[in-house]
Amino acid sequence: MGKKVLVLSTSPRAGGNSETLADEFMRGAAEAGHDVKKISSMTRKSTSAKVVWPARPPRNA
C-alpha cells in the first residue's frame, strides 16, 4: 500500500527547473505506487505581503 504524497511547488515559472524537478519526483513516487498530488503556487491566488503588512512610512516623515 502506497503513501499519500503532497508536492508543494513554489516555482515562479511554468516549466522552470524547480517545477521540472517536482514533476520528476512526482513521477517516481507514482511509479513506486504512491498516491501523488501537487499544489502549485502559480495556480493559487495569494495575497501579497504588502497588503497584509503595508510598508511603514519613513521615520523622518
N, C-alpha and C. Protein backbone atom coordinates (compact mmCIF):
# COMPACT_ATOMS: atom_id res chain seq x y z
N MET A 1 0.84 -1.18 0.00
CA MET A 1 0.00 0.00 0.00
C MET A 1 0.88 1.25 0.00
N GLY A 2 0.64 2.14 -0.95
CA GLY A 2 1.45 3.34 -1.07
C GLY A 2 1.05 4.43 -0.09
N LYS A 3 1.90 5.38 0.04
CA LYS A 3 1.68 6.54 0.91
C LYS A 3 1.00 7.64 0.11
N LYS A 4 0.41 8.59 0.82
CA LYS A 4 -0.13 9.79 0.18
C LYS A 4 0.99 10.82 0.19
N VAL A 5 1.30 11.36 -0.97
CA VAL A 5 2.40 12.33 -1.11
C VAL A 5 1.83 13.63 -1.66
N LEU A 6 2.10 14.73 -0.99
CA LEU A 6 1.69 16.05 -1.45
C LEU A 6 2.94 16.84 -1.80
N VAL A 7 3.02 17.29 -3.04
CA VAL A 7 4.17 18.07 -3.51
C VAL A 7 3.74 19.53 -3.58
N LEU A 8 4.45 20.40 -2.88
CA LEU A 8 4.18 21.84 -2.92
C LEU A 8 5.20 22.48 -3.84
N SER A 9 4.75 22.96 -4.98
CA SER A 9 5.64 23.58 -5.95
C SER A 9 5.50 25.09 -5.87
N THR A 10 6.60 25.77 -5.59
CA THR A 10 6.58 27.23 -5.49
C THR A 10 7.38 27.88 -6.61
N SER A 11 7.60 27.14 -7.68
CA SER A 11 8.36 27.67 -8.80
C SER A 11 7.64 28.88 -9.39
N PRO A 12 8.36 29.98 -9.62
CA PRO A 12 7.71 31.16 -10.19
C PRO A 12 7.50 31.07 -11.70
N ARG A 13 8.11 30.08 -12.35
CA ARG A 13 7.99 29.95 -13.81
C ARG A 13 7.47 28.58 -14.19
N ALA A 14 6.46 28.56 -15.06
CA ALA A 14 5.97 27.29 -15.58
C ALA A 14 7.08 26.65 -16.41
N GLY A 15 7.36 25.39 -16.17
CA GLY A 15 8.39 24.69 -16.92
C GLY A 15 9.80 24.99 -16.46
N GLY A 16 9.95 25.71 -15.36
CA GLY A 16 11.28 26.03 -14.84
C GLY A 16 11.93 24.82 -14.19
N ASN A 17 13.17 24.98 -13.77
CA ASN A 17 13.93 23.87 -13.18
C ASN A 17 13.25 23.30 -11.93
N SER A 18 12.76 24.17 -11.06
CA SER A 18 12.13 23.69 -9.82
C SER A 18 10.87 22.89 -10.12
N GLU A 19 10.07 23.38 -11.05
CA GLU A 19 8.84 22.66 -11.40
C GLU A 19 9.17 21.34 -12.08
N THR A 20 10.18 21.33 -12.93
CA THR A 20 10.59 20.08 -13.58
C THR A 20 11.05 19.06 -12.55
N LEU A 21 11.83 19.50 -11.58
CA LEU A 21 12.28 18.60 -10.52
C LEU A 21 11.10 18.05 -9.72
N ALA A 22 10.14 18.91 -9.39
CA ALA A 22 8.95 18.46 -8.65
C ALA A 22 8.16 17.44 -9.47
N ASP A 23 8.02 17.69 -10.77
CA ASP A 23 7.28 16.76 -11.64
C ASP A 23 7.98 15.40 -11.73
N GLU A 24 9.29 15.41 -11.82
CA GLU A 24 10.04 14.14 -11.88
C GLU A 24 9.95 13.38 -10.57
N PHE A 25 9.99 14.11 -9.46
CA PHE A 25 9.81 13.47 -8.16
C PHE A 25 8.43 12.81 -8.09
N MET A 26 7.42 13.54 -8.56
CA MET A 26 6.05 13.00 -8.56
C MET A 26 5.96 11.75 -9.42
N ARG A 27 6.59 11.78 -10.58
CA ARG A 27 6.55 10.62 -11.47
C ARG A 27 7.17 9.41 -10.80
N GLY A 28 8.32 9.60 -10.17
CA GLY A 28 8.98 8.49 -9.49
C GLY A 28 8.15 7.95 -8.34
N ALA A 29 7.53 8.84 -7.58
CA ALA A 29 6.70 8.40 -6.45
C ALA A 29 5.47 7.64 -6.95
N ALA A 30 4.87 8.12 -8.04
CA ALA A 30 3.70 7.44 -8.60
C ALA A 30 4.09 6.06 -9.13
N GLU A 31 5.24 5.97 -9.79
CA GLU A 31 5.71 4.67 -10.31
C GLU A 31 5.98 3.69 -9.18
N ALA A 32 6.32 4.21 -8.00
CA ALA A 32 6.59 3.36 -6.84
C ALA A 32 5.29 2.96 -6.12
N GLY A 33 4.15 3.43 -6.64
CA GLY A 33 2.86 3.02 -6.10
C GLY A 33 2.24 3.98 -5.10
N HIS A 34 2.76 5.19 -5.01
CA HIS A 34 2.22 6.16 -4.06
C HIS A 34 1.15 7.02 -4.73
N ASP A 35 0.23 7.55 -3.93
CA ASP A 35 -0.81 8.46 -4.39
C ASP A 35 -0.23 9.88 -4.31
N VAL A 36 -0.03 10.52 -5.46
CA VAL A 36 0.69 11.79 -5.50
C VAL A 36 -0.21 12.91 -6.00
N LYS A 37 -0.16 14.05 -5.30
CA LYS A 37 -0.88 15.25 -5.72
C LYS A 37 0.08 16.43 -5.62
N LYS A 38 -0.16 17.44 -6.47
CA LYS A 38 0.70 18.63 -6.46
C LYS A 38 -0.15 19.87 -6.28
N ILE A 39 0.33 20.77 -5.46
CA ILE A 39 -0.23 22.11 -5.33
C ILE A 39 0.83 23.07 -5.83
N SER A 40 0.45 23.89 -6.80
CA SER A 40 1.39 24.84 -7.38
C SER A 40 1.00 26.26 -6.97
N SER A 41 1.97 27.03 -6.54
CA SER A 41 1.68 28.41 -6.14
C SER A 41 1.28 29.27 -7.34
N MET A 42 1.62 28.84 -8.55
CA MET A 42 1.25 29.61 -9.73
C MET A 42 -0.25 29.55 -10.00
N THR A 43 -0.91 28.48 -9.57
CA THR A 43 -2.33 28.32 -9.84
C THR A 43 -3.20 28.76 -8.67
N ARG A 44 -2.60 29.26 -7.63
CA ARG A 44 -3.34 29.69 -6.44
C ARG A 44 -3.33 31.21 -6.34
N LYS A 45 -4.45 31.76 -5.88
CA LYS A 45 -4.47 33.19 -5.58
C LYS A 45 -3.76 33.40 -4.26
N SER A 46 -2.96 34.41 -4.19
CA SER A 46 -2.28 34.70 -2.94
C SER A 46 -2.36 36.19 -2.66
N THR A 47 -2.19 36.51 -1.42
CA THR A 47 -2.20 37.91 -1.00
C THR A 47 -0.76 38.34 -0.79
N SER A 48 -0.42 39.41 -1.40
CA SER A 48 0.93 39.94 -1.26
C SER A 48 1.19 40.34 0.19
N ALA A 49 2.41 40.18 0.61
CA ALA A 49 2.78 40.59 1.97
C ALA A 49 2.58 42.09 2.17
N LYS A 50 2.66 42.86 1.09
CA LYS A 50 2.46 44.30 1.21
C LYS A 50 1.02 44.62 1.59
N VAL A 51 0.09 43.78 1.19
CA VAL A 51 -1.31 44.00 1.54
C VAL A 51 -1.52 43.66 3.01
N VAL A 52 -0.90 42.60 3.46
CA VAL A 52 -1.06 42.17 4.85
C VAL A 52 -0.31 43.10 5.79
N TRP A 53 0.92 43.40 5.45
CA TRP A 53 1.76 44.29 6.26
C TRP A 53 2.25 45.43 5.38
N PRO A 54 1.50 46.53 5.32
CA PRO A 54 1.93 47.63 4.46
C PRO A 54 3.26 48.22 4.92
N ALA A 55 3.96 48.80 3.98
CA ALA A 55 5.26 49.41 4.30
C ALA A 55 5.07 50.54 5.30
N ARG A 56 6.02 50.65 6.20
CA ARG A 56 5.97 51.73 7.18
C ARG A 56 6.38 53.04 6.52
N PRO A 57 5.78 54.13 6.97
CA PRO A 57 6.23 55.42 6.43
C PRO A 57 7.65 55.71 6.92
N PRO A 58 8.39 56.51 6.19
CA PRO A 58 9.75 56.85 6.63
C PRO A 58 9.72 57.47 8.03
N ARG A 59 10.76 57.22 8.82
CA ARG A 59 10.81 57.73 10.21
C ARG A 59 10.88 59.25 10.27
N ASN A 60 11.43 59.87 9.24
CA ASN A 60 11.58 61.32 9.24
C ASN A 60 10.34 62.03 8.72
N ALA A 61 9.30 61.30 8.41
CA ALA A 61 8.11 61.93 7.83
C ALA A 61 7.24 62.57 8.88
